[in-house]
Amino acid sequence: MKRICAVYRSSRTEGMYLYVDHKEDLSRVPEDLLARFGKPERSMTLVLSAERKLARADVAKVMEEIADKGFYLQLPPQPERLNPRVVPEIDE
């Protein structure tokens, strides 16, 4: 199965993206999520399928959540924790 989806970038949080069905657009995204997300900035339109690879998300999970909830929220990656033996913490 293939799905055309629109991808929006958060105006508030770098690395946060919202995937929605192209036809439904943002209509199924809860208002409180949109308020925290900030102004959605259209980033791209993608055709999703089981064969497609996404950089930071499992395409099957993205497609499932869009079908079930109407959207998939991709959170920014967590910062890498440095090994304290190599890089000691700096006290401020």
PDB file of N, CA and C in Angstrom:
ATOM      1  N   MET A   1       0.838  -1.181   0.000  1.00  0.00           N
ATOM      2  CA  MET A   1       0.000   0.000   0.000  1.00  0.00           C
ATOM      3  C   MET A   1       0.886   1.249   0.000  1.00  0.00           C
ATOM      4  N   LYS A   2       0.466   2.235  -0.731  1.00  0.00           N
ATOM      5  CA  LYS A   2       1.195   3.502  -0.765  1.00  0.00           C
ATOM      6  C   LYS A   2       0.313   4.596  -0.185  1.00  0.00           C
ATOM      7  N   ARG A   3       0.962   5.608   0.368  1.00  0.00           N
ATOM      8  CA  ARG A   3       0.236   6.743   0.940  1.00  0.00           C
ATOM      9  C   ARG A   3       1.019   8.007   0.631  1.00  0.00           C
ATOM     10  N   ILE A   4       0.315   9.011   0.144  1.00  0.00           N
ATOM     11  CA  ILE A   4       0.944  10.315  -0.076  1.00  0.00           C
ATOM     12  C   ILE A   4       0.789  11.100   1.212  1.00  0.00           C
ATOM     13  N   CYS A   5       1.899  11.598   1.717  1.00  0.00           N
ATOM     14  CA  CYS A   5       1.831  12.353   2.969  1.00  0.00           C
ATOM     15  C   CYS A   5       2.553  13.690   2.836  1.00  0.00           C
ATOM     16  N   ALA A   6       2.066  14.622   3.625  1.00  0.00           N
ATOM     17  CA  ALA A   6       2.690  15.940   3.724  1.00  0.00           C
ATOM     18  C   ALA A   6       3.515  15.951   5.000  1.00  0.00           C
ATOM     19  N   VAL A   7       4.669  16.563   4.943  1.00  0.00           N
ATOM     20  CA  VAL A   7       5.552  16.649   6.106  1.00  0.00           C
ATOM     21  C   VAL A   7       5.705  18.121   6.470  1.00  0.00           C
ATOM     22  N   TYR A   8       5.440  18.416   7.749  1.00  0.00           N
ATOM     23  CA  TYR A   8       5.554  19.782   8.255  1.00  0.00           C
ATOM     24  C   TYR A   8       6.669  19.862   9.282  1.00  0.00           C
ATOM     25  N   ARG A   9       7.414  20.949   9.254  1.00  0.00           N
ATOM     26  CA  ARG A   9       8.494  21.232  10.203  1.00  0.00           C
ATOM     27  C   ARG A   9       7.921  22.147  11.281  1.00  0.00           C
ATOM     28  N   SER A  10       8.326  21.925  12.525  1.00  0.00           N
ATOM     29  CA  SER A  10       7.893  22.774  13.631  1.00  0.00           C
ATOM     30  C   SER A  10       8.624  24.110  13.586  1.00  0.00           C
ATOM     31  N   SER A  11       7.880  25.187  13.831  1.00  0.00           N
ATOM     32  CA  SER A  11       8.514  26.511  13.899  1.00  0.00           C
ATOM     33  C   SER A  11       9.129  26.752  15.276  1.00  0.00           C
ATOM     34  N   ARG A  12       8.823  25.870  16.231  1.00  0.00           N
ATOM     35  CA  ARG A  12       9.312  26.041  17.603  1.00  0.00           C
ATOM     36  C   ARG A  12      10.486  25.141  17.965  1.00  0.00           C
ATOM     37  N   THR A  13      10.461  23.915  17.470  1.00  0.00           N
ATOM     38  CA  THR A  13      11.458  22.937  17.892  1.00  0.00           C
ATOM     39  C   THR A  13      12.195  22.372  16.688  1.00  0.00           C
ATOM     40  N   GLU A  14      13.490  22.623  16.623  1.00  0.00           N
ATOM     41  CA  GLU A  14      14.297  22.106  15.522  1.00  0.00           C
ATOM     42  C   GLU A  14      14.302  20.583  15.560  1.00  0.00           C
ATOM     43  N   GLY A  15      14.111  19.969  14.409  1.00  0.00           N
ATOM     44  CA  GLY A  15      14.145  18.514  14.320  1.00  0.00           C
ATOM     45  C   GLY A  15      12.814  17.844  14.584  1.00  0.00           C
ATOM     46  N   MET A  16      11.754  18.616  14.852  1.00  0.00           N
ATOM     47  CA  MET A  16      10.429  18.045  15.085  1.00  0.00           C
ATOM     48  C   MET A  16       9.617  18.174  13.798  1.00  0.00           C
ATOM     49  N   TYR A  17       9.041  17.043  13.372  1.00  0.00           N
ATOM     50  CA  TYR A  17       8.274  17.010  12.128  1.00  0.00           C
ATOM     51  C   TYR A  17       6.940  16.316  12.353  1.00  0.00           C
ATOM     52  N   LEU A  18       5.947  16.718  11.572  1.00  0.00           N
ATOM     53  CA  LEU A  18       4.609  16.156  11.639  1.00  0.00           C
ATOM     54  C   LEU A  18       4.278  15.599  10.258  1.00  0.00           C
ATOM     55  N   TYR A  19       4.000  14.295  10.193  1.00  0.00           N
ATOM     56  CA  TYR A  19       3.616  13.634   8.950  1.00  0.00           C
ATOM     57  C   TYR A  19       2.097  13.475   8.969  1.00  0.00           C
ATOM     58  N   VAL A  20       1.423  13.876   7.899  1.00  0.00           N
ATOM     59  CA  VAL A  20      -0.035  13.752   7.806  1.00  0.00           C
ATOM     60  C   VAL A  20      -0.410  13.264   6.409  1.00  0.00           C
ATOM     61  N   ASP A  21      -1.618  12.702   6.295  1.00  0.00           N
ATOM     62  CA  ASP A  21      -2.134  12.307   4.995  1.00  0.00           C
ATOM     63  C   ASP A  21      -2.282  13.550   4.120  1.00  0.00           C
ATOM     64  N   HIS A  22      -1.870  13.452   2.875  1.00  0.00           N
ATOM     65  CA  HIS A  22      -1.879  14.599   1.956  1.00  0.00           C
ATOM     66  C   HIS A  22      -3.281  15.194   1.795  1.00  0.00           C
ATOM     67  N   LYS A  23      -4.303  14.341   1.690  1.00  0.00           N
ATOM     68  CA  LYS A  23      -5.670  14.831   1.483  1.00  0.00           C
ATOM     69  C   LYS A  23      -6.282  15.395   2.761  1.00  0.00           C
ATOM     70  N   GLU A  24      -6.033  14.727   3.893  1.00  0.00           N
ATOM     71  CA  GLU A  24      -6.616  15.183   5.168  1.00  0.00           C
ATOM     72  C   GLU A  24      -5.864  16.375   5.739  1.00  0.00           C
ATOM     73  N   ASP A  25      -4.613  16.501   5.359  1.00  0.00           N
ATOM     74  CA  ASP A  25      -3.730  17.553   5.843  1.00  0.00           C
ATOM     75  C   ASP A  25      -3.746  17.589   7.379  1.00  0.00           C
ATOM     76  N   LEU A  26      -3.912  18.727   7.991  1.00  0.00           N
ATOM     77  CA  LEU A  26      -3.818  18.864   9.453  1.00  0.00           C
ATOM     78  C   LEU A  26      -5.165  18.700  10.159  1.00  0.00           C
ATOM     79  N   SER A  27      -6.206  18.286   9.449  1.00  0.00           N
ATOM     80  CA  SER A  27      -7.557  18.238  10.015  1.00  0.00           C
ATOM     81  C   SER A  27      -7.706  17.282  11.198  1.00  0.00           C
ATOM     82  N   ARG A  28      -6.905  16.221  11.282  1.00  0.00           N
ATOM     83  CA  ARG A  28      -7.024  15.249  12.379  1.00  0.00           C
ATOM     84  C   ARG A  28      -5.993  15.460  13.488  1.00  0.00           C
ATOM     85  N   VAL A  29      -5.163  16.472  13.362  1.00  0.00           N
ATOM     86  CA  VAL A  29      -4.149  16.752  14.386  1.00  0.00           C
ATOM     87  C   VAL A  29      -4.821  17.530  15.517  1.00  0.00           C
ATOM     88  N   PRO A  30      -4.700  17.053  16.766  1.00  0.00           N
ATOM     89  CA  PRO A  30      -5.336  17.746  17.896  1.00  0.00           C
ATOM     90  C   PRO A  30      -4.839  19.186  18.045  1.00  0.00           C
ATOM     91  N   GLU A  31      -5.753  20.065  18.437  1.00  0.00           N
ATOM     92  CA  GLU A  31      -5.432  21.487  18.595  1.00  0.00           C
ATOM     93  C   GLU A  31      -4.309  21.721  19.603  1.00  0.00           C
ATOM     94  N   ASP A  32      -4.314  20.962  20.723  1.00  0.00           N
ATOM     95  CA  ASP A  32      -3.268  21.168  21.732  1.00  0.00           C
ATOM     96  C   ASP A  32      -1.889  20.793  21.196  1.00  0.00           C
ATOM     97  N   LEU A  33      -1.821  19.778  20.337  1.00  0.00           N
ATOM     98  CA  LEU A  33      -0.542  19.418  19.718  1.00  0.00           C
ATOM     99  C   LEU A  33      -0.088  20.525  18.765  1.00  0.00           C
ATOM    100  N   LEU A  34      -1.008  21.043  17.976  1.00  0.00           N
ATOM    101  CA  LEU A  34      -0.654  22.130  17.059  1.00  0.00           C
ATOM    102  C   LEU A  34      -0.181  23.363  17.817  1.00  0.00           C
ATOM    103  N   ALA A  35      -0.791  23.630  18.976  1.00  0.00           N
ATOM    104  CA  ALA A  35      -0.382  24.788  19.777  1.00  0.00           C
ATOM    105  C   ALA A  35       1.057  24.621  20.266  1.00  0.00           C
ATOM    106  N   ARG A  36       1.418  23.407  20.681  1.00  0.00           N
ATOM    107  CA  ARG A  36       2.787  23.150  21.151  1.00  0.00           C
ATOM    108  C   ARG A  36       3.778  23.031  20.000  1.00  0.00           C
ATOM    109  N   PHE A  37       3.293  22.587  18.850  1.00  0.00           N
ATOM    110  CA  PHE A  37       4.134  22.394  17.670  1.00  0.00           C
ATOM    111  C   PHE A  37       4.577  23.730  17.075  1.00  0.00           C
ATOM    112  N   GLY A  38       3.741  24.738  17.222  1.00  0.00           N
ATOM    113  CA  GLY A  38       4.029  26.029  16.602  1.00  0.00           C
ATOM    114  C   GLY A  38       3.437  26.078  15.211  1.00  0.00           C
ATOM    115  N   LYS A  39       3.762  27.098  14.466  1.00  0.00           N
ATOM    116  CA  LYS A  39       3.226  27.237  13.113  1.00  0.00           C
ATOM    117  C   LYS A  39       3.834  26.154  12.222  1.00  0.00           C
ATOM    118  N   PRO A  40       2.990  25.255  11.677  1.00  0.00           N
ATOM    119  CA  PRO A  40       3.519  24.213  10.795  1.00  0.00           C
ATOM    120  C   PRO A  40       4.053  24.820   9.500  1.00  0.00           C
ATOM    121  N   GLU A  41       5.286  24.470   9.160  1.00  0.00           N
ATOM    122  CA  GLU A  41       5.913  24.949   7.926  1.00  0.00           C
ATOM    123  C   GLU A  41       6.049  23.760   6.978  1.00  0.00           C
ATOM    124  N   ARG A  42       5.350  23.808   5.855  1.00  0.00           N
ATOM    125  CA  ARG A  42       5.367  22.688   4.901  1.00  0.00           C
ATOM    126  C   ARG A  42       6.798  22.443   4.447  1.00  0.00           C
ATOM    127  N   SER A  43       7.255  21.213   4.651  1.00  0.00           N
ATOM    128  CA  SER A  43       8.625  20.856   4.322  1.00  0.00           C
ATOM    129  C   SER A  43       8.707  20.099   2.997  1.00  0.00           C
ATOM    130  N   MET A  44       7.834  19.082   2.844  1.00  0.00           N
ATOM    131  CA  MET A  44       7.871  18.271   1.628  1.00  0.00           C
ATOM    132  C   MET A  44       6.630  17.399   1.535  1.00  0.00           C
ATOM    133  N   THR A  45       6.460  16.782   0.386  1.00  0.00           N
ATOM    134  CA  THR A  45       5.425  15.781   0.156  1.00  0.00           C
ATOM    135  C   THR A  45       6.140  14.497  -0.236  1.00  0.00           C
ATOM    136  N   LEU A  46       5.749  13.385   0.402  1.00  0.00           N
ATOM    137  CA  LEU A  46       6.397  12.095   0.155  1.00  0.00           C
ATOM    138  C   LEU A  46       5.367  11.042  -0.220  1.00  0.00           C
ATOM    139  N   VAL A  47       5.784  10.067  -1.011  1.00  0.00           N
ATOM    140  CA  VAL A  47       4.984   8.872  -1.244  1.00  0.00           C
ATOM    141  C   VAL A  47       5.582   7.795  -0.348  1.00  0.00           C
ATOM    142  N   LEU A  48       4.799   7.360   0.645  1.00  0.00           N
ATOM    143  CA  LEU A  48       5.276   6.334   1.573  1.00  0.00           C
ATOM    144  C   LEU A  48       4.831   4.958   1.095  1.00  0.00           C
ATOM    145  N   SER A  49       5.718   3.976   1.235  1.00  0.00           N
ATOM    146  CA  SER A  49       5.416   2.577   0.953  1.00  0.00           C
ATOM    147  C   SER A  49       6.339   1.737   1.820  1.00  0.00           C
ATOM    148  N   ALA A  50       6.053   0.460   1.910  1.00  0.00           N
ATOM    149  CA  ALA A  50       6.863  -0.435   2.744  1.00  0.00           C
ATOM    150  C   ALA A  50       8.324  -0.459   2.295  1.00  0.00           C
ATOM    151  N   GLU A  51       8.567  -0.200   1.022  1.00  0.00           N
ATOM    152  CA  GLU A  51       9.927  -0.247   0.489  1.00  0.00           C
ATOM    153  C   GLU A  51      10.721   1.025   0.758  1.00  0.00           C
ATOM    154  N   ARG A  52      10.043   2.096   1.106  1.00  0.00           N
ATOM    155  CA  ARG A  52      10.715   3.390   1.289  1.00  0.00           C
ATOM    156  C   ARG A  52      11.465   3.420   2.619  1.00  0.00           C
ATOM    157  N   LYS A  53      12.611   4.019   2.625  1.00  0.00           N
ATOM    158  CA  LYS A  53      13.396   4.214   3.842  1.00  0.00           C
ATOM    159  C   LYS A  53      13.269   5.664   4.276  1.00  0.00           C
ATOM    160  N   LEU A  54      13.116   5.873   5.575  1.00  0.00           N
ATOM    161  CA  LEU A  54      13.116   7.214   6.147  1.00  0.00           C
ATOM    162  C   LEU A  54      14.338   7.338   7.046  1.00  0.00           C
ATOM    163  N   ALA A  55      14.886   8.524   7.139  1.00  0.00           N
ATOM    164  CA  ALA A  55      16.133   8.730   7.879  1.00  0.00           C
ATOM    165  C   ALA A  55      15.999   8.419   9.367  1.00  0.00           C
ATOM    166  N   ARG A  56      14.931   8.900  10.020  1.00  0.00           N
ATOM    167  CA  ARG A  56      14.848   8.747  11.474  1.00  0.00           C
ATOM    168  C   ARG A  56      13.531   8.153  11.949  1.00  0.00           C
ATOM    169  N   ALA A  57      12.840   7.428  11.079  1.00  0.00           N
ATOM    170  CA  ALA A  57      11.570   6.829  11.484  1.00  0.00           C
ATOM    171  C   ALA A  57      11.347   5.537  10.709  1.00  0.00           C
ATOM    172  N   ASP A  58      10.588   4.638  11.319  1.00  0.00           N
ATOM    173  CA  ASP A  58      10.210   3.381  10.684  1.00  0.00           C
ATOM    174  C   ASP A  58       8.986   3.658   9.812  1.00  0.00           C
ATOM    175  N   VAL A  59       9.101   3.453   8.511  1.00  0.00           N
ATOM    176  CA  VAL A  59       8.023   3.812   7.587  1.00  0.00           C
ATOM    177  C   VAL A  59       6.728   3.063   7.906  1.00  0.00           C
ATOM    178  N   ALA A  60       6.815   1.813   8.368  1.00  0.00           N
ATOM    179  CA  ALA A  60       5.603   1.057   8.715  1.00  0.00           C
ATOM    180  C   ALA A  60       4.875   1.719   9.883  1.00  0.00           C
ATOM    181  N   LYS A  61       5.625   2.175  10.882  1.00  0.00           N
ATOM    182  CA  LYS A  61       5.025   2.846  12.037  1.00  0.00           C
ATOM    183  C   LYS A  61       4.421   4.185  11.625  1.00  0.00           C
ATOM    184  N   VAL A  62       5.104   4.924  10.766  1.00  0.00           N
ATOM    185  CA  VAL A  62       4.591   6.212  10.285  1.00  0.00           C
ATOM    186  C   VAL A  62       3.259   5.994   9.572  1.00  0.00           C
ATOM    187  N   MET A  63       3.211   5.023   8.668  1.00  0.00           N
ATOM    188  CA  MET A  63       1.987   4.756   7.914  1.00  0.00           C
ATOM    189  C   MET A  63       0.857   4.283   8.824  1.00  0.00           C
ATOM    190  N   GLU A  64       1.186   3.447   9.799  1.00  0.00           N
ATOM    191  CA  GLU A  64       0.178   2.942  10.737  1.00  0.00           C
ATOM    192  C   GLU A  64      -0.417   4.077  11.574  1.00  0.00           C
ATOM    193  N   GLU A  65       0.431   4.948  12.099  1.00  0.00           N
ATOM    194  CA  GLU A  65      -0.064   6.042  12.932  1.00  0.00           C
ATOM    195  C   GLU A  65      -0.860   7.063  12.124  1.00  0.00           C
ATOM    196  N   ILE A  66      -0.468   7.306  10.882  1.00  0.00           N
ATOM    197  CA  ILE A  66      -1.252   8.211  10.041  1.00  0.00           C
ATOM    198  C   ILE A  66      -2.641   7.610   9.803  1.00  0.00           C
ATOM    199  N   ALA A  67      -2.699   6.306   9.548  1.00  0.00           N
ATOM    200  CA  ALA A  67      -3.991   5.646   9.323  1.00  0.00           C
ATOM    201  C   ALA A  67      -4.851   5.664  10.586  1.00  0.00           C
ATOM    202  N   ASP A  68      -4.239   5.381  11.747  1.00  0.00           N
ATOM    203  CA  ASP A  68      -4.985   5.284  13.008  1.00  0.00           C
ATOM    204  C   ASP A  68      -5.324   6.637  13.619  1.00  0.00           C
ATOM    205  N   LYS A  69      -4.330   7.519  13.710  1.00  0.00           N
ATOM    206  CA  LYS A  69      -4.497   8.788  14.433  1.00  0.00           C
ATOM    207  C   LYS A  69      -4.621  10.001  13.521  1.00  0.00           C
ATOM    208  N   GLY A  70      -4.203   9.848  12.278  1.00  0.00           N
ATOM    209  CA  GLY A  70      -4.245  10.970  11.351  1.00  0.00           C
ATOM    210  C   GLY A  70      -2.940  11.729  11.257  1.00  0.00           C
ATOM    211  N   PHE A  71      -1.948  11.321  12.051  1.00  0.00           N
ATOM    212  CA  PHE A  71      -0.654  12.006  12.018  1.00  0.00           C
ATOM    213  C   PHE A  71       0.416  11.123  12.651  1.00  0.00           C
ATOM    214  N   TYR A  72       1.673  11.452  12.368  1.00  0.00           N
ATOM    215  CA  TYR A  72       2.825  10.853  13.041  1.00  0.00           C
ATOM    216  C   TYR A  72       3.724  12.008  13.447  1.00  0.00           C
ATOM    217  N   LEU A  73       4.077  12.064  14.717  1.00  0.00           N
ATOM    218  CA  LEU A  73       4.953  13.116  15.228  1.00  0.00           C
ATOM    219  C   LEU A  73       6.359  12.562  15.370  1.00  0.00           C
ATOM    220  N   GLN A  74       7.303  13.148  14.646  1.00  0.00           N
ATOM    221  CA  GLN A  74       8.713  12.763  14.750  1.00  0.00           C
ATOM    222  C   GLN A  74       9.410  13.758  15.662  1.00  0.00           C
ATOM    223  N   LEU A  75       9.892  13.266  16.779  1.00  0.00           N
ATOM    224  CA  LEU A  75      10.581  14.118  17.744  1.00  0.00           C
ATOM    225  C   LEU A  75      12.039  14.288  17.345  1.00  0.00           C
ATOM    226  N   PRO A  76      12.673  15.365  17.805  1.00  0.00           N
ATOM    227  CA  PRO A  76      14.090  15.556  17.481  1.00  0.00           C
ATOM    228  C   PRO A  76      14.939  14.477  18.147  1.00  0.00           C
ATOM    229  N   PRO A  77      16.078  14.156  17.560  1.00  0.00           N
ATOM    230  CA  PRO A  77      16.948  13.149  18.178  1.00  0.00           C
ATOM    231  C   PRO A  77      17.466  13.643  19.523  1.00  0.00           C
ATOM    232  N   GLN A  78      17.666  12.705  20.421  1.00  0.00           N
ATOM    233  CA  GLN A  78      18.232  13.034  21.726  1.00  0.00           C
ATOM    234  C   GLN A  78      19.711  13.342  21.558  1.00  0.00           C
ATOM    235  N   PRO A  79      20.215  14.347  22.269  1.00  0.00           N
ATOM    236  CA  PRO A  79      21.651  14.637  22.171  1.00  0.00           C
ATOM    237  C   PRO A  79      22.460  13.452  22.695  1.00  0.00           C
ATOM    238  N   GLU A  80      23.578  13.221  22.060  1.00  0.00           N
ATOM    239  CA  GLU A  80      24.428  12.115  22.490  1.00  0.00           C
ATOM    240  C   GLU A  80      25.046  12.421  23.838  1.00  0.00           C
ATOM    241  N   ARG A  81      25.041  11.409  24.685  1.00  0.00           N
ATOM    242  CA  ARG A  81      25.699  11.562  25.982  1.00  0.00           C
ATOM    243  C   ARG A  81      27.160  11.192  25.798  1.00  0.00           C
ATOM    244  N   LEU A  82      28.006  12.071  26.205  1.00  0.00           N
ATOM    245  CA  LEU A  82      29.436  11.820  26.080  1.00  0.00           C
ATOM    246  C   LEU A  82      29.913  10.974  27.247  1.00  0.00           C
ATOM    247  N   ASN A  83      30.911  10.178  27.000  1.00  0.00           N
ATOM    248  CA  ASN A  83      31.487   9.342  28.036  1.00  0.00           C
ATOM    249  C   ASN A  83      32.193  10.249  29.043  1.00  0.00           C
ATOM    250  N   PRO A  84      31.752  10.263  30.325  1.00  0.00           N
ATOM    251  CA  PRO A  84      32.363  11.168  31.307  1.00  0.00           C
ATOM    252  C   PRO A  84      33.837  10.864  31.567  1.00  0.00           C
ATOM    253  N   ARG A  85      34.291   9.657  31.242  1.00  0.00           N
ATOM    254  CA  ARG A  85      35.708   9.331  31.427  1.00  0.00           C
ATOM    255  C   ARG A  85      36.568  10.040  30.383  1.00  0.00           C
ATOM    256  N   VAL A  86      35.954  10.306  29.224  1.00  0.00           N
ATOM    257  CA  VAL A  86      36.688  10.954  28.146  1.00  0.00           C
ATOM    258  C   VAL A  86      36.498  12.464  28.198  1.00  0.00           C
ATOM    259  N   VAL A  87      35.261  12.895  28.408  1.00  0.00           N
ATOM    260  CA  VAL A  87      34.938  14.321  28.445  1.00  0.00           C
ATOM    261  C   VAL A  87      34.271  14.609  29.789  1.00  0.00           C
ATOM    262  N   PRO A  88      35.012  15.160  30.744  1.00  0.00           N
ATOM    263  CA  PRO A  88      34.417  15.431  32.058  1.00  0.00           C
ATOM    264  C   PRO A  88      33.363  16.526  31.964  1.00  0.00           C
ATOM    265  N   GLU A  89      32.370  16.443  32.861  1.00  0.00           N
ATOM    266  CA  GLU A  89      31.338  17.474  32.901  1.00  0.00           C
ATOM    267  C   GLU A  89      31.949  18.787  33.367  1.00  0.00           C
ATOM    268  N   ILE A  90      31.416  19.871  32.841  1.00  0.00           N
ATOM    269  CA  ILE A  90      31.900  21.201  33.207  1.00  0.00           C
ATOM    270  C   ILE A  90      30.924  21.801  34.202  1.00  0.00           C
ATOM    271  N   ASP A  91      31.425  22.167  35.366  1.00  0.00           N
ATOM    272  CA  ASP A  91      30.581  22.813  36.373  1.00  0.00           C
ATOM    273  C   ASP A  91      30.472  24.286  36.041  1.00  0.00           C
ATOM    274  N   GLU A  92      29.234  24.772  36.096  1.00  0.00           N
ATOM    275  CA  GLU A  92      29.045  26.202  35.826  1.00  0.00           C
ATOM    276  C   GLU A  92      28.763  26.937  37.103  1.00  0.00           C
TER     277      GLU A  92
END
